[in-house]
Amino acid sequence: MRLKHKPWAAEYIAQHSDVILPNPEDYKGKWHEVFGNNNPVHIEVGTGKGQFVLGMAQQNPDINYIGIELFDSVIVCALEKIEAANKPSNLRLLKVNGEDLEKFFAKNDVDRVYLNFSDPWPKVRHAKRRLTHENFLKLYENVLVDNGEIHFKTDNRGLFEYSLVSMNAYGMSLNYVSLDLHVNMPEDNVMTEYEEKFSKKGQPIYRLESQFKTK
């Protein structure tokens, strides 16, 4: 994804610390204090422009959502959407690297991880950068509750097949697999910006739900 530089983004982000938390490491193990309740916490790693995480927060007020995105010029788009939607109280953003999840979340802090239209990193030598590589799966497992879930969507068949193999090899249960989500799309499906774009072109959307097994 080519990013358009937005020189005003950093200042705008700093002005909205109630949505994009400036020191997320302070809340490790304390996320329920941030939201003021004991509702489940779902995170989206690579939240992009925020359409999905905002839609999920609006659809499910009894679940707390945290969108994670590294780049100023992208997360600021999500922030603008959230501001326009009157800032749902069950939604926060973190401008951090997904590789650093354990700096911000303790074991049992997270109930579900969403991965939507992640970079496929198609070259073999870049496999470790894929968000469904075993190194990332271990990272998610270390912050999720026992039997925690990963929900994954992509338009990239190669990445989808790789993810199925990776999760199976890791010992995860595959509870749901769709090779064309929009053929029998669930009523509660919230689309990302990419999902709308690719589905309109007739490209199939691949989706899976996987679950870690208690060891």
Protein backbone atom coordinates (compact mmCIF):
# COMPACT_ATOMS: atom_id res chain seq x y z
CA MET A 1 0.00 0.00 0.00
CA ARG A 2 1.45 3.33 -1.06
CA LEU A 3 0.98 5.93 1.64
CA LYS A 4 0.19 9.55 0.92
CA HIS A 5 2.09 11.72 3.36
CA LYS A 6 -0.10 13.84 5.60
CA PRO A 7 2.11 16.35 7.41
CA TRP A 8 -0.74 17.32 9.74
CA ALA A 9 -1.43 13.76 10.89
CA ALA A 10 0.93 13.61 13.91
CA GLU A 11 -0.49 16.77 15.45
CA TYR A 12 -4.07 15.64 14.82
CA ILE A 13 -3.34 12.29 16.46
CA ALA A 14 -1.82 14.01 19.49
CA GLN A 15 -4.98 16.09 19.87
CA HIS A 16 -7.14 12.95 20.13
CA SER A 17 -5.41 10.96 22.85
CA ASP A 18 -8.82 9.80 24.09
CA VAL A 19 -9.09 7.62 20.97
CA ILE A 20 -5.46 6.88 20.03
CA LEU A 21 -3.88 6.10 23.39
CA PRO A 22 -0.38 7.63 23.62
CA ASN A 23 1.18 5.21 26.14
CA PRO A 24 -0.51 1.84 25.61
CA GLU A 25 2.15 -0.03 27.57
CA ASP A 26 0.65 1.55 30.70
CA TYR A 27 -2.53 -0.47 30.21
CA LYS A 28 -0.99 -3.93 29.91
CA GLY A 29 -3.16 -6.20 32.02
CA LYS A 30 -5.53 -3.29 32.73
CA TRP A 31 -7.57 -2.88 29.56
CA HIS A 32 -10.85 -3.32 31.37
CA GLU A 33 -9.99 -0.19 33.34
CA VAL A 34 -9.65 1.73 30.07
CA PHE A 35 -13.14 0.72 28.96
CA GLY A 36 -14.69 0.76 32.43
CA ASN A 37 -16.17 -2.73 32.12
CA ASN A 38 -15.28 -6.43 31.96
CA ASN A 39 -16.52 -7.02 28.43
CA PRO A 40 -14.44 -9.15 26.01
CA VAL A 41 -11.63 -7.39 24.18
CA HIS A 42 -11.16 -7.98 20.44
CA ILE A 43 -8.20 -6.52 18.55
CA GLU A 44 -7.61 -5.97 14.85
CA VAL A 45 -3.94 -6.11 13.87
CA GLY A 46 -3.50 -3.87 10.85
CA THR A 47 -6.70 -1.88 11.16
CA GLY A 48 -5.99 0.29 8.12
CA LYS A 49 -8.51 3.08 7.57
CA GLY A 50 -10.79 1.73 10.28
CA GLN A 51 -14.02 0.80 8.53
CA PHE A 52 -14.05 -2.75 9.92
CA VAL A 53 -13.17 -2.04 13.54
CA LEU A 54 -15.60 0.88 13.70
CA GLY A 55 -18.39 -1.18 12.17
CA MET A 56 -17.76 -4.01 14.62
CA ALA A 57 -17.80 -1.64 17.59
CA GLN A 58 -21.09 -0.14 16.45
CA GLN A 59 -22.60 -3.56 15.82
CA ASN A 60 -21.45 -5.08 19.10
CA PRO A 61 -21.63 -2.54 21.96
CA ASP A 62 -20.97 -5.28 24.55
CA ILE A 63 -17.51 -6.00 23.13
CA ASN A 64 -14.49 -3.72 23.44
CA TYR A 65 -12.43 -3.19 20.27
CA ILE A 66 -8.86 -2.04 19.77
CA GLY A 67 -7.54 -1.25 16.29
CA ILE A 68 -3.78 -1.47 15.79
CA GLU A 69 -2.06 0.42 12.98
CA LEU A 70 1.50 1.70 12.69
CA PHE A 71 1.39 4.45 10.09
CA ASP A 72 0.25 8.01 10.89
CA SER A 73 -1.18 8.64 7.44
CA VAL A 74 -3.37 5.52 7.68
CA ILE A 75 -4.50 5.55 11.30
CA VAL A 76 -5.54 9.18 10.98
CA CYS A 77 -8.17 8.06 8.46
CA ALA A 78 -9.55 5.63 11.03
CA LEU A 79 -9.51 8.40 13.61
CA GLU A 80 -11.53 10.69 11.35
CA LYS A 81 -14.14 7.95 10.84
CA ILE A 82 -14.40 7.39 14.58
CA GLU A 83 -14.73 11.10 15.26
CA ALA A 84 -17.51 11.35 12.68
CA ALA A 85 -19.29 8.44 14.40
CA ASN A 86 -19.24 10.25 17.77
CA LYS A 87 -16.44 8.10 19.18
CA PRO A 88 -18.04 4.83 20.34
CA SER A 89 -17.03 4.24 23.95
CA ASN A 90 -16.05 0.63 23.23
CA LEU A 91 -13.37 1.51 20.66
CA ARG A 92 -9.75 2.64 20.93
CA LEU A 93 -6.81 2.77 18.53
CA LEU A 94 -3.12 2.09 19.08
CA LYS A 95 -0.42 3.50 16.80
CA VAL A 96 2.06 0.68 17.35
CA ASN A 97 3.71 -2.20 15.52
CA GLY A 98 1.80 -5.48 15.63
CA GLU A 99 5.09 -7.25 16.28
CA ASP A 100 5.13 -5.65 19.73
CA LEU A 101 1.80 -6.95 21.04
CA GLU A 102 3.32 -8.38 24.20
CA LYS A 103 4.48 -4.91 25.23
CA PHE A 104 0.85 -3.81 25.47
CA PHE A 105 -1.15 -6.95 26.26
CA ALA A 106 -0.73 -9.59 28.94
CA LYS A 107 -1.95 -13.17 28.75
CA ASN A 108 -5.78 -13.23 28.85
CA ASP A 109 -6.09 -9.54 27.89
CA VAL A 110 -7.52 -10.41 24.46
CA ASP A 111 -10.43 -12.68 23.51
CA ARG A 112 -10.14 -12.54 19.72
CA VAL A 113 -7.73 -11.34 17.04
CA TYR A 114 -8.87 -10.09 13.64
CA LEU A 115 -6.53 -10.11 10.64
CA ASN A 116 -8.04 -8.49 7.55
CA PHE A 117 -6.38 -8.23 4.13
CA SER A 118 -2.88 -8.40 5.54
CA ASP A 119 0.14 -7.88 3.29
CA PRO A 120 0.68 -11.30 1.61
CA TRP A 121 4.48 -10.95 1.42
CA PRO A 122 4.52 -13.41 -1.52
CA LYS A 123 8.28 -14.01 -1.69
CA VAL A 124 9.43 -17.09 0.20
CA ARG A 125 12.22 -15.18 1.93
CA HIS A 126 9.62 -12.84 3.46
CA ALA A 127 7.45 -15.60 4.94
CA LYS A 128 8.25 -14.58 8.52
CA ARG A 129 6.61 -11.20 7.88
CA ARG A 130 3.22 -12.77 7.16
CA LEU A 131 0.83 -12.17 10.04
CA THR A 132 -0.12 -15.85 10.05
CA HIS A 133 3.46 -17.12 10.30
CA GLU A 134 4.08 -19.33 13.33
CA ASN A 135 6.02 -16.54 15.05
CA PHE A 136 2.95 -14.31 14.95
CA LEU A 137 0.66 -17.17 15.95
CA LYS A 138 2.76 -17.63 19.08
CA LEU A 139 2.51 -13.90 19.73
CA TYR A 140 -1.28 -13.98 19.52
CA GLU A 141 -1.46 -17.06 21.71
CA ASN A 142 0.57 -15.27 24.39
CA VAL A 143 -1.97 -12.44 24.72
CA LEU A 144 -5.19 -14.36 24.08
CA VAL A 145 -7.37 -16.16 26.58
CA ASP A 146 -7.23 -19.97 26.52
CA ASN A 147 -9.05 -21.23 23.42
CA GLY A 148 -8.84 -17.71 21.95
CA GLU A 149 -9.71 -17.21 18.30
CA ILE A 150 -8.27 -15.69 15.15
CA HIS A 151 -10.64 -14.49 12.42
CA PHE A 152 -8.92 -13.92 9.09
CA LYS A 153 -10.06 -12.49 5.74
CA THR A 154 -8.12 -11.97 2.53
CA ASP A 155 -8.51 -11.78 -1.22
CA ASN A 156 -5.15 -13.49 -1.73
CA ARG A 157 -5.55 -17.22 -2.28
CA GLY A 158 -1.84 -17.91 -1.79
CA LEU A 159 -1.83 -16.23 1.60
CA PHE A 160 -5.05 -18.00 2.54
CA GLU A 161 -3.65 -21.42 1.68
CA TYR A 162 -0.44 -20.61 3.53
CA SER A 163 -2.46 -19.54 6.58
CA LEU A 164 -4.49 -22.73 6.62
CA VAL A 165 -1.31 -24.80 6.57
CA SER A 166 0.44 -22.61 9.14
CA MET A 167 -2.44 -22.70 11.62
CA ASN A 168 -2.96 -26.43 11.18
CA ALA A 169 0.76 -27.08 11.71
CA TYR A 170 0.64 -24.95 14.85
CA GLY A 171 -2.05 -27.26 16.22
CA MET A 172 -4.98 -24.87 15.94
CA SER A 173 -8.55 -25.92 15.24
CA LEU A 174 -10.10 -24.65 12.02
CA ASN A 175 -13.72 -23.96 12.96
CA TYR A 176 -14.83 -22.21 9.76
CA VAL A 177 -13.38 -21.98 6.26
CA SER A 178 -14.93 -20.15 3.29
CA LEU A 179 -13.45 -19.96 -0.20
CA ASP A 180 -15.99 -17.36 -1.30
CA LEU A 181 -17.48 -15.54 1.67
CA HIS A 182 -19.90 -13.41 -0.34
CA VAL A 183 -21.73 -16.36 -1.87
CA ASN A 184 -23.44 -17.04 1.45
CA MET A 185 -22.37 -13.96 3.35
CA PRO A 186 -23.37 -13.88 7.04
CA GLU A 187 -25.79 -11.08 7.89
CA ASP A 188 -23.41 -9.75 10.54
CA ASN A 189 -20.40 -9.54 8.20
CA VAL A 190 -18.69 -6.14 8.42
CA MET A 191 -16.68 -5.35 5.30
CA THR A 192 -13.33 -3.62 5.18
CA GLU A 193 -12.50 -1.04 2.54
CA TYR A 194 -10.47 -3.63 0.63
CA GLU A 195 -13.25 -6.19 0.89
CA GLU A 196 -15.71 -3.80 -0.74
CA LYS A 197 -13.22 -2.97 -3.48
CA PHE A 198 -12.26 -6.54 -4.36
CA SER A 199 -15.74 -8.04 -4.06
CA LYS A 200 -17.11 -5.43 -6.47
CA LYS A 201 -14.54 -6.66 -8.98
CA GLY A 202 -15.88 -10.18 -8.58
CA GLN A 203 -12.88 -11.48 -6.67
CA PRO A 204 -13.63 -14.15 -4.05
CA ILE A 205 -13.08 -13.25 -0.41
CA TYR A 206 -11.49 -16.00 1.66
CA ARG A 207 -12.28 -16.27 5.36
CA LEU A 208 -11.41 -18.57 8.23
CA GLU A 209 -11.98 -18.82 11.95
CA SER A 210 -9.33 -20.68 13.91
CA GLN A 211 -8.89 -21.42 17.60
CA PHE A 212 -5.97 -22.20 19.84
CA LYS A 213 -6.20 -25.41 21.81
CA THR A 214 -5.58 -25.47 25.55
CA LYS A 215 -2.21 -27.10 26.16
